Amino acid sequence: MKKLAVVLAAALILSCACMAGAADKPKVTIYTSMYEDIIEAMTEVLHEKFPDYDVEFFYGGTGTLQAKIAAERDTKKLGCDMLMVADPSYALELKELGLLHPYVTPAAKDLALEYDPEGYWYPVRNLNMILAYNPEKFKKEELPQSFKDFAYKEGMKGFISMSNPLTSGTALVAISALKDKYGYEYFDKLAANRVMVESGSVALTKLETGECKMVMILEESVLKKREEEGSALEVIYPTDGVICVPSPIMTVKDGWSAHGNSKICEELTDWFLSPEGQGYIVKGWMHSVLKNPPAIPFDSINTAEIVKSAMPVSWENCLKERSDLRTNFEERVKNKM
């Protein structure tokens, strides 16, 4: 019994020591809208690459995270140290509010996409809004080949689906770009064609069953399904341009951040923008932001080809018109469903 007591006591001491060691590690909390399985993979590699730091992710859609941060601002302290959200215009807003920490990373020279020259935010992953269909249910040539036809083409009524821009940052960017190109009439056409506004997972399921003919969705969602499940779903890169969303990484300045470890955040930024870090982005079916990307996502096409013909997006418009875009979408589309 004495020996057992000694063993248990030793185990307890060792456990407490391990817990104390973990508690002593500088902590960094990252708010992100990345897929949760990608977050798990990122968490594992960050623990390996930065064993002296405690890096944790908090997942939420961009709209959810924006609401969370808006509430936290009232306390003068945010619950995160870094953000990796979808909508680049949100980085402009946080910079204007004076909440971000500037850092000029040496990786900036290798970036293929725009970034803040003062170092307040950088693109960390390039998301692409595309169209998708099921070739086992419908013929490609009979379906829309452009975002315009997605809303305007006859025969699609009640058979199209998209994500909700009231909660999704990439969907908000998409309707901003489409409004700039086609006017608010585009929203009316979506409503006339009885677009379903729902999560990507629900839309893809309907695409597989034939309930939907076509969905407006992120390319990564389709590529993930093709690789992991052997799905027959296919991507259509719209003839009027893919809507590219260079999602930003940014650091909260120490006075506002959860743990005040901006120097560690700088190290993490360098790693995420390195070829190694970007390799994990690509493994997550997203495109690299580097001029010389380590690879392209599974079953995708060349990143430069996508970016070259992309539909223009005004991040300034997306920011200043955010409220109007959401209001118009709700009134013209969602309320007509």
Protein backbone atom coordinates (compact mmCIF):
# COMPACT_ATOMS: atom_id res chain seq x y z
CA MET A 1 0.00 0.00 0.00
CA LYS A 2 2.88 2.33 0.84
CA LYS A 3 4.48 1.60 -2.53
CA LEU A 4 1.15 2.28 -4.29
CA ALA A 5 0.79 5.56 -2.39
CA VAL A 6 4.29 6.60 -3.43
CA VAL A 7 3.57 5.76 -7.08
CA LEU A 8 0.28 7.68 -7.03
CA ALA A 9 1.92 10.64 -5.36
CA ALA A 10 4.70 10.64 -7.96
CA ALA A 11 2.16 10.46 -10.77
CA LEU A 12 0.20 13.33 -9.24
CA ILE A 13 3.34 15.45 -8.93
CA LEU A 14 4.30 14.68 -12.55
CA SER A 15 0.79 15.54 -13.75
CA CYS A 16 0.80 18.81 -11.84
CA ALA A 17 4.24 19.63 -13.22
CA CYS A 18 3.05 19.01 -16.78
CA MET A 19 -0.01 21.17 -16.20
CA ALA A 20 2.14 23.90 -14.68
CA GLY A 21 4.51 23.69 -17.67
CA ALA A 22 1.60 24.07 -20.09
CA ALA A 23 0.24 26.95 -18.05
CA ASP A 24 3.64 28.68 -18.18
CA LYS A 25 3.71 28.67 -21.99
CA PRO A 26 2.90 31.98 -23.69
CA LYS A 27 -0.55 31.65 -25.25
CA VAL A 28 -1.94 32.78 -28.59
CA THR A 29 -5.63 32.47 -29.51
CA ILE A 30 -6.59 32.64 -33.19
CA TYR A 31 -10.13 33.37 -34.33
CA THR A 32 -10.66 31.70 -37.70
CA SER A 33 -13.31 30.69 -40.21
CA MET A 34 -11.29 27.79 -41.65
CA TYR A 35 -12.85 24.33 -41.74
CA GLU A 36 -12.62 22.59 -38.38
CA ASP A 37 -10.74 19.56 -39.75
CA ILE A 38 -8.14 21.93 -41.23
CA ILE A 39 -7.89 23.65 -37.86
CA GLU A 40 -7.16 20.28 -36.24
CA ALA A 41 -4.33 19.63 -38.70
CA MET A 42 -2.98 23.16 -38.20
CA THR A 43 -3.11 22.76 -34.41
CA GLU A 44 -1.01 19.60 -34.57
CA VAL A 45 1.68 21.07 -36.81
CA LEU A 46 1.87 24.32 -34.83
CA HIS A 47 2.41 22.36 -31.62
CA GLU A 48 5.30 20.61 -33.37
CA LYS A 49 6.79 23.75 -34.94
CA PHE A 50 6.31 25.98 -31.88
CA PRO A 51 6.53 23.69 -28.82
CA ASP A 52 7.25 26.60 -26.48
CA TYR A 53 3.94 28.30 -27.28
CA ASP A 54 0.34 27.35 -26.59
CA VAL A 55 -1.52 28.10 -29.83
CA GLU A 56 -5.28 27.52 -29.92
CA PHE A 57 -7.96 28.18 -32.53
CA PHE A 58 -11.52 29.35 -32.05
CA TYR A 59 -13.78 28.53 -35.00
CA GLY A 60 -16.70 30.57 -36.31
CA GLY A 61 -18.11 31.92 -39.56
CA THR A 62 -16.86 35.39 -40.46
CA GLY A 63 -20.21 36.98 -39.58
CA THR A 64 -20.26 35.18 -36.24
CA LEU A 65 -16.71 36.28 -35.43
CA GLN A 66 -17.51 39.87 -36.43
CA ALA A 67 -20.44 39.88 -33.99
CA LYS A 68 -18.26 38.34 -31.27
CA ILE A 69 -15.55 40.96 -31.72
CA ALA A 70 -18.10 43.77 -31.78
CA ALA A 71 -19.35 42.61 -28.38
CA GLU A 72 -15.81 42.19 -27.02
CA ARG A 73 -14.85 45.71 -28.08
CA ASP A 74 -17.23 47.04 -25.43
CA THR A 75 -14.98 45.43 -22.79
CA LYS A 76 -11.84 47.02 -24.30
CA LYS A 77 -10.30 43.56 -24.66
CA LEU A 78 -10.69 41.00 -27.43
CA GLY A 79 -10.69 37.26 -26.85
CA CYS A 80 -8.07 36.64 -29.54
CA ASP A 81 -4.53 37.60 -30.51
CA MET A 82 -4.80 36.85 -34.24
CA LEU A 83 -7.53 36.53 -36.83
CA MET A 84 -7.77 34.46 -40.01
CA VAL A 85 -11.20 35.33 -41.40
CA ALA A 86 -12.61 35.23 -44.91
CA ASP A 87 -13.51 38.82 -45.75
CA PRO A 88 -10.53 41.15 -46.53
CA SER A 89 -12.74 44.22 -46.05
CA TYR A 90 -12.98 43.32 -42.36
CA ALA A 91 -9.22 43.84 -42.10
CA LEU A 92 -9.72 47.37 -43.43
CA GLU A 93 -12.34 47.99 -40.74
CA LEU A 94 -10.18 46.70 -37.87
CA LYS A 95 -7.26 48.77 -39.12
CA GLU A 96 -9.42 51.91 -39.17
CA LEU A 97 -10.55 51.12 -35.61
CA GLY A 98 -6.93 50.99 -34.48
CA LEU A 99 -7.12 47.38 -33.27
CA LEU A 100 -4.34 45.85 -35.35
CA HIS A 101 -0.61 45.44 -34.82
CA PRO A 102 1.56 46.37 -37.83
CA TYR A 103 4.34 43.98 -38.81
CA VAL A 104 6.39 44.02 -42.02
CA THR A 105 7.10 40.36 -42.71
CA PRO A 106 10.04 39.34 -44.92
CA ALA A 107 7.57 37.03 -46.69
CA ALA A 108 5.78 40.04 -48.22
CA LYS A 109 8.12 40.06 -51.23
CA ASP A 110 6.95 36.56 -52.16
CA LEU A 111 3.20 37.29 -52.10
CA ALA A 112 1.24 37.18 -55.35
CA LEU A 113 -1.79 39.00 -53.95
CA GLU A 114 -2.38 42.44 -52.50
CA TYR A 115 -1.57 43.18 -48.85
CA ASP A 116 -1.38 46.15 -46.52
CA PRO A 117 1.95 47.91 -47.18
CA GLU A 118 2.15 48.99 -43.53
CA GLY A 119 1.86 45.36 -42.45
CA TYR A 120 -1.55 45.43 -40.78
CA TRP A 121 -2.81 42.42 -42.76
CA TYR A 122 -1.65 39.89 -45.33
CA PRO A 123 -3.48 37.34 -47.48
CA VAL A 124 -2.95 33.86 -46.06
CA ARG A 125 -5.23 31.74 -48.28
CA ASN A 126 -6.97 32.40 -51.57
CA LEU A 127 -10.58 31.23 -51.57
CA ASN A 128 -12.48 30.98 -54.84
CA MET A 129 -16.22 31.34 -55.27
CA ILE A 130 -17.25 29.13 -58.19
CA LEU A 131 -20.23 27.21 -59.56
CA ALA A 132 -20.65 23.46 -59.15
CA TYR A 133 -22.90 20.77 -60.61
CA ASN A 134 -23.43 17.01 -60.67
CA PRO A 135 -22.56 15.46 -64.07
CA GLU A 136 -24.37 12.27 -63.05
CA LYS A 137 -27.65 14.21 -62.90
CA PHE A 138 -27.36 17.03 -65.45
CA LYS A 139 -25.41 17.89 -68.58
CA LYS A 140 -22.87 20.71 -68.23
CA GLU A 141 -23.79 22.32 -71.55
CA GLU A 142 -27.39 22.74 -70.40
CA LEU A 143 -26.37 24.63 -67.24
CA PRO A 144 -25.18 28.21 -66.59
CA GLN A 145 -21.53 28.83 -67.34
CA SER A 146 -21.41 32.24 -65.67
CA PHE A 147 -22.52 33.87 -62.46
CA LYS A 148 -24.87 36.05 -64.50
CA ASP A 149 -26.64 33.06 -66.02
CA PHE A 150 -26.80 31.44 -62.58
CA ALA A 151 -29.37 34.11 -61.68
CA TYR A 152 -30.82 34.91 -65.10
CA LYS A 153 -31.06 31.60 -66.97
CA GLU A 154 -34.52 30.12 -67.44
CA GLY A 155 -35.05 26.57 -66.32
CA MET A 156 -33.10 27.05 -63.08
CA LYS A 157 -36.03 28.26 -60.97
CA GLY A 158 -36.00 26.50 -57.62
CA PHE A 159 -32.87 24.51 -58.55
CA ILE A 160 -30.05 26.84 -57.44
CA SER A 161 -28.45 27.36 -54.05
CA MET A 162 -25.93 29.66 -52.37
CA SER A 163 -24.55 30.51 -48.91
CA ASN A 164 -25.98 33.24 -46.71
CA PRO A 165 -24.10 36.58 -46.94
CA LEU A 166 -25.65 37.61 -43.62
CA THR A 167 -23.33 35.12 -41.91
CA SER A 168 -20.72 34.09 -44.50
CA GLY A 169 -17.85 36.44 -45.30
CA THR A 170 -17.12 34.88 -48.69
CA ALA A 171 -20.80 35.02 -49.68
CA LEU A 172 -20.84 38.71 -48.73
CA VAL A 173 -17.80 39.33 -50.93
CA ALA A 174 -19.52 37.48 -53.76
CA ILE A 175 -22.72 39.53 -53.67
CA SER A 176 -20.65 42.72 -53.38
CA ALA A 177 -18.74 41.87 -56.56
CA LEU A 178 -21.91 40.77 -58.35
CA LYS A 179 -23.76 43.92 -57.32
CA ASP A 180 -20.89 46.06 -58.62
CA LYS A 181 -20.95 44.21 -61.95
CA TYR A 182 -24.68 43.66 -62.50
CA GLY A 183 -26.42 46.05 -60.08
CA TYR A 184 -29.00 45.23 -57.42
CA GLU A 185 -31.11 43.77 -60.20
CA TYR A 186 -28.94 40.66 -59.77
CA PHE A 187 -30.52 40.15 -56.33
CA ASP A 188 -33.99 40.40 -57.86
CA LYS A 189 -33.08 37.80 -60.46
CA LEU A 190 -31.82 35.45 -57.73
CA ALA A 191 -35.17 35.83 -56.01
CA ALA A 192 -37.09 35.29 -59.26
CA ASN A 193 -35.12 32.09 -59.80
CA ARG A 194 -36.01 31.08 -56.22
CA VAL A 195 -32.44 30.63 -55.02
CA MET A 196 -32.12 28.53 -51.85
CA VAL A 197 -29.96 30.18 -49.20
CA GLU A 198 -28.37 27.50 -47.05
CA SER A 199 -25.11 26.04 -45.77
CA GLY A 200 -22.60 24.61 -48.19
CA SER A 201 -22.96 21.09 -46.80
CA VAL A 202 -26.74 21.14 -47.36
CA ALA A 203 -26.29 22.54 -50.88
CA LEU A 204 -23.77 19.85 -51.82
CA THR A 205 -26.09 17.12 -50.55
CA LYS A 206 -28.90 18.52 -52.72
CA LEU A 207 -26.50 18.65 -55.65
CA GLU A 208 -25.72 14.97 -55.21
CA THR A 209 -29.39 13.97 -54.96
CA GLY A 210 -30.44 16.14 -57.88
CA GLU A 211 -32.58 18.52 -55.80
CA CYS A 212 -30.23 21.26 -57.02
CA LYS A 213 -28.94 21.69 -60.55
CA MET A 214 -26.22 24.14 -59.57
CA VAL A 215 -24.74 25.84 -56.51
CA MET A 216 -22.64 28.92 -55.95
CA ILE A 217 -20.02 27.72 -53.48
CA LEU A 218 -16.36 27.81 -52.49
CA GLU A 219 -14.13 25.69 -54.68
CA GLU A 220 -12.50 24.06 -51.62
CA SER A 221 -15.84 22.54 -50.56
CA VAL A 222 -16.12 20.65 -53.84
CA LEU A 223 -12.45 19.65 -54.00
CA LYS A 224 -12.61 18.33 -50.45
CA LYS A 225 -15.61 16.18 -51.32
CA ARG A 226 -13.96 14.89 -54.49
CA GLU A 227 -10.76 13.86 -52.74
CA GLU A 228 -12.18 12.50 -49.48
CA GLU A 229 -15.35 10.88 -50.80
CA GLY A 230 -14.64 10.30 -54.47
CA SER A 231 -17.61 12.52 -55.29
CA ALA A 232 -18.54 13.09 -58.94
CA LEU A 233 -19.39 16.76 -58.32
CA GLU A 234 -17.52 19.10 -60.63
CA VAL A 235 -16.41 22.72 -60.56
CA ILE A 236 -17.33 25.26 -63.23
CA TYR A 237 -15.03 28.28 -63.34
CA PRO A 238 -17.49 31.01 -64.42
CA THR A 239 -16.84 32.74 -67.72
CA ASP A 240 -17.46 36.14 -66.12
CA GLY A 241 -14.68 35.43 -63.64
CA VAL A 242 -14.11 33.49 -60.45
CA ILE A 243 -14.63 35.64 -57.36
CA CYS A 244 -11.30 35.40 -55.54
CA VAL A 245 -11.20 36.11 -51.82
CA PRO A 246 -7.64 36.58 -50.48
CA SER A 247 -8.53 35.94 -46.87
CA PRO A 248 -6.35 37.88 -44.43
CA ILE A 249 -4.22 37.04 -41.44
CA MET A 250 -3.82 39.85 -38.90
CA THR A 251 -2.54 40.42 -35.39
CA VAL A 252 -4.42 42.30 -32.67
CA LYS A 253 -2.30 44.96 -31.00
CA ASP A 254 -1.16 44.16 -27.47
CA GLY A 255 -3.39 46.63 -25.68
CA TRP A 256 -6.47 44.93 -27.11
CA SER A 257 -5.32 41.33 -27.54
CA ALA A 258 -6.16 38.45 -25.22
CA HIS A 259 -2.61 37.65 -24.16
CA GLY A 260 -0.36 40.48 -25.42
CA ASN A 261 2.03 38.26 -27.35
CA SER A 262 2.39 40.18 -30.62
CA LYS A 263 6.01 39.10 -31.12
CA ILE A 264 4.92 35.46 -31.10
CA CYS A 265 2.14 36.38 -33.56
CA GLU A 266 4.82 37.81 -35.85
CA GLU A 267 6.61 34.45 -35.81
CA LEU A 268 3.36 32.67 -36.59
CA THR A 269 2.63 35.09 -39.45
CA ASP A 270 6.05 34.35 -40.98
CA TRP A 271 5.36 30.61 -40.78
CA PHE A 272 1.86 30.79 -42.27
CA LEU A 273 3.25 32.78 -45.22
CA SER A 274 6.25 30.48 -45.71
CA PRO A 275 6.28 27.71 -48.35
CA GLU A 276 5.88 25.17 -45.53
CA GLY A 277 2.89 26.96 -44.01
CA GLN A 278 1.32 27.50 -47.41
CA GLY A 279 1.74 23.80 -48.08
CA TYR A 280 -0.74 23.11 -45.28
CA ILE A 281 -3.11 25.70 -46.76
CA VAL A 282 -3.01 23.84 -50.09
CA LYS A 283 -3.58 20.51 -48.34
CA GLY A 284 -6.77 22.11 -47.04
CA TRP A 285 -7.98 22.54 -50.67
CA MET A 286 -7.27 26.29 -50.63
CA HIS A 287 -4.91 28.13 -52.97
CA SER A 288 -1.55 29.48 -51.86
CA VAL A 289 -0.92 33.22 -51.86
CA LEU A 290 2.71 32.88 -52.95
CA LYS A 291 4.12 33.85 -56.35
CA ASN A 292 5.69 30.41 -56.52
CA PRO A 293 3.11 28.24 -54.75
CA PRO A 294 4.30 24.92 -53.30
CA ALA A 295 1.45 23.16 -55.16
CA ILE A 296 -2.14 23.63 -56.29
CA PRO A 297 -5.09 22.10 -54.46
CA PHE A 298 -6.28 18.62 -55.38
CA ASP A 299 -8.05 18.56 -58.76
CA SER A 300 -7.89 22.33 -59.21
CA ILE A 301 -6.36 24.47 -61.96
CA ASN A 302 -3.39 26.82 -61.87
CA THR A 303 -3.83 29.58 -59.31
CA ALA A 304 -2.42 32.27 -61.63
CA GLU A 305 -4.98 31.31 -64.29
CA ILE A 306 -7.82 31.80 -61.82
CA VAL A 307 -6.52 35.13 -60.52
CA LYS A 308 -5.81 36.49 -64.01
CA SER A 309 -9.45 36.28 -65.11
CA ALA A 310 -11.04 36.92 -61.70
CA MET A 311 -14.06 39.21 -61.32
CA PRO A 312 -12.99 42.55 -59.80
CA VAL A 313 -13.80 43.09 -56.13
CA SER A 314 -13.69 46.48 -54.40
CA TRP A 315 -12.80 45.88 -50.74
CA GLU A 316 -13.63 49.49 -49.97
CA ASN A 317 -17.15 49.03 -51.40
CA CYS A 318 -17.52 45.76 -49.55
CA LEU A 319 -16.72 47.56 -46.29
CA LYS A 320 -18.73 50.76 -46.68
CA GLU A 321 -21.72 49.00 -48.27
CA ARG A 322 -21.75 45.96 -45.96
CA SER A 323 -24.94 46.98 -44.18
CA ASP A 324 -26.72 47.97 -47.43
CA LEU A 325 -25.66 44.72 -49.10
CA ARG A 326 -27.04 42.62 -46.27
CA THR A 327 -30.24 44.64 -46.05
CA ASN A 328 -30.86 44.45 -49.79
CA PHE A 329 -30.14 40.73 -49.86
CA GLU A 330 -32.51 40.09 -46.98
CA GLU A 331 -35.30 42.21 -48.44
CA ARG A 332 -34.89 41.31 -52.12
CA VAL A 333 -33.89 37.65 -51.77
CA LYS A 334 -34.46 36.01 -48.39
CA ASN A 335 -37.83 37.63 -47.75
CA LYS A 336 -39.00 36.45 -51.18
CA MET A 337 -38.12 32.78 -50.59
